[in-house]
Amino acid sequence: MKRPFPTILVISSLTLFLGCSEPLTTTEKGAGIGTVTGAGLGAIIGSATGHAGVGAGVGAAIGLIGGALIGDQIQARQKQEQELQQQMATQQAEIERAEQELQQLKQQEAR
């Protein structure tokens, strides 16, 4: 086998991510995707220079960092969106409560 390092890296990464009992966070997913993609691209670029293993290692490290940063940003935005949705639901419930009170007052005045 010419390239054992990239193969071992991919198998180890898949085992690590698939073996987790809890769902992955967006940051973890980004890190995993970045690592695998970086390792693959690094191996391809490294093989052109005769150093596929080194290229895969460097690519994996860069991909891990980049993927984790991007995943973290996406996760932060998802959290903000979720908080906004909760605020909107709270406000909608308050509006509906106020409308009900208004209807009750109108009915009392009509009597």
Protein backbone atom coordinates (compact mmCIF):
# COMPACT_ATOMS: atom_id res chain seq x y z
CA MET A 1 0.00 0.00 0.00
CA LYS A 2 1.57 3.30 -1.07
CA ARG A 3 -0.39 5.71 1.12
CA PRO A 4 -1.14 4.19 4.52
CA PHE A 5 -1.32 7.51 6.39
CA PRO A 6 -4.31 9.02 4.58
CA THR A 7 -6.16 5.72 4.76
CA ILE A 8 -5.50 5.39 8.48
CA LEU A 9 -6.51 9.02 9.01
CA VAL A 10 -9.81 8.60 7.18
CA ILE A 11 -10.64 5.34 8.96
CA SER A 12 -9.74 6.82 12.35
CA SER A 13 -11.80 9.94 11.70
CA LEU A 14 -14.83 7.95 10.58
CA THR A 15 -14.54 5.62 13.57
CA LEU A 16 -14.27 8.56 15.94
CA PHE A 17 -17.23 10.44 14.51
CA LEU A 18 -19.48 7.44 13.95
CA GLY A 19 -18.68 6.00 17.37
CA CYS A 20 -20.01 8.98 19.31
CA SER A 21 -23.19 8.24 21.22
CA GLU A 22 -24.52 11.81 21.07
CA PRO A 23 -25.35 13.74 17.92
CA LEU A 24 -22.52 15.89 16.64
CA THR A 25 -22.69 19.63 17.04
CA THR A 26 -22.35 21.85 14.00
CA THR A 27 -18.80 22.71 15.10
CA GLU A 28 -17.88 19.04 15.33
CA LYS A 29 -19.42 18.30 11.95
CA GLY A 30 -17.49 21.20 10.41
CA ALA A 31 -14.27 19.97 12.00
CA GLY A 32 -14.83 16.45 10.69
CA ILE A 33 -15.70 17.53 7.19
CA GLY A 34 -12.77 19.95 7.14
CA THR A 35 -10.35 17.29 8.37
CA VAL A 36 -11.38 14.69 5.82
CA THR A 37 -11.51 17.20 2.97
CA GLY A 38 -8.21 18.77 3.96
CA ALA A 39 -6.51 15.40 4.26
CA GLY A 40 -7.77 14.35 0.85
CA LEU A 41 -6.74 17.56 -0.86
CA GLY A 42 -3.43 17.58 1.01
CA ALA A 43 -2.71 14.01 -0.10
CA ILE A 44 -3.49 14.89 -3.71
CA ILE A 45 -1.29 17.99 -3.63
CA GLY A 46 1.41 16.17 -1.65
CA SER A 47 1.49 13.25 -4.07
CA ALA A 48 2.39 15.66 -6.84
CA THR A 49 5.54 16.53 -4.89
CA GLY A 50 6.16 12.98 -3.68
CA HIS A 51 5.03 13.59 -0.09
CA ALA A 52 1.40 12.45 0.05
CA GLY A 53 1.53 11.60 3.78
CA VAL A 54 2.92 14.98 4.76
CA GLY A 55 0.42 16.72 2.50
CA ALA A 56 -2.43 14.75 4.03
CA GLY A 57 -1.27 15.59 7.55
CA VAL A 58 -0.91 19.29 6.85
CA GLY A 59 -4.19 19.35 4.93
CA ALA A 60 -5.97 17.55 7.76
CA ALA A 61 -4.69 20.03 10.33
CA ILE A 62 -5.64 23.05 8.24
CA GLY A 63 -9.00 21.49 7.38
CA LEU A 64 -9.68 20.71 11.04
CA ILE A 65 -9.07 24.30 12.11
CA GLY A 66 -10.94 25.83 9.18
CA GLY A 67 -13.88 23.44 9.45
CA ALA A 68 -14.16 23.96 13.20
CA LEU A 69 -14.12 27.74 12.83
CA ILE A 70 -16.76 27.70 10.11
CA GLY A 71 -18.88 25.19 12.03
CA ASP A 72 -18.62 27.33 15.16
CA GLN A 73 -19.82 30.40 13.28
CA ILE A 74 -22.76 28.47 11.81
CA GLN A 75 -23.61 27.08 15.25
CA ALA A 76 -23.55 30.58 16.78
CA ARG A 77 -25.91 31.86 14.09
CA GLN A 78 -28.23 28.90 14.61
CA LYS A 79 -28.32 29.66 18.32
CA GLN A 80 -29.11 33.32 17.65
CA GLU A 81 -31.88 32.33 15.25
CA GLN A 82 -33.33 29.92 17.80
CA GLU A 83 -33.30 32.63 20.49
CA LEU A 84 -34.99 35.04 18.09
CA GLN A 85 -37.67 32.45 17.28
CA GLN A 86 -38.30 31.98 21.01
CA GLN A 87 -38.61 35.74 21.53
CA MET A 88 -41.04 35.99 18.63
CA ALA A 89 -43.15 33.13 20.03
CA THR A 90 -43.23 34.83 23.43
CA GLN A 91 -44.26 38.12 21.88
CA GLN A 92 -46.93 36.43 19.77
CA ALA A 93 -48.37 34.78 22.87
CA GLU A 94 -48.41 38.16 24.62
CA ILE A 95 -50.21 39.75 21.66
CA GLU A 96 -52.81 36.97 21.64
CA ARG A 97 -53.34 37.37 25.40
CA ALA A 98 -53.80 41.14 24.99
CA GLU A 99 -56.28 40.59 22.15
CA GLN A 100 -58.28 38.20 24.31
CA GLU A 101 -58.37 40.74 27.14
CA LEU A 102 -59.50 43.41 24.69
CA GLN A 103 -62.29 41.16 23.42
CA GLN A 104 -63.41 40.48 26.99
CA LEU A 105 -63.49 44.21 27.73
CA LYS A 106 -65.53 44.86 24.59
CA GLN A 107 -67.99 42.13 25.58
CA GLN A 108 -68.33 43.59 29.08
CA GLU A 109 -69.01 47.06 27.65
CA ALA A 110 -71.65 45.66 25.30
CA ARG A 111 -73.65 44.25 28.21
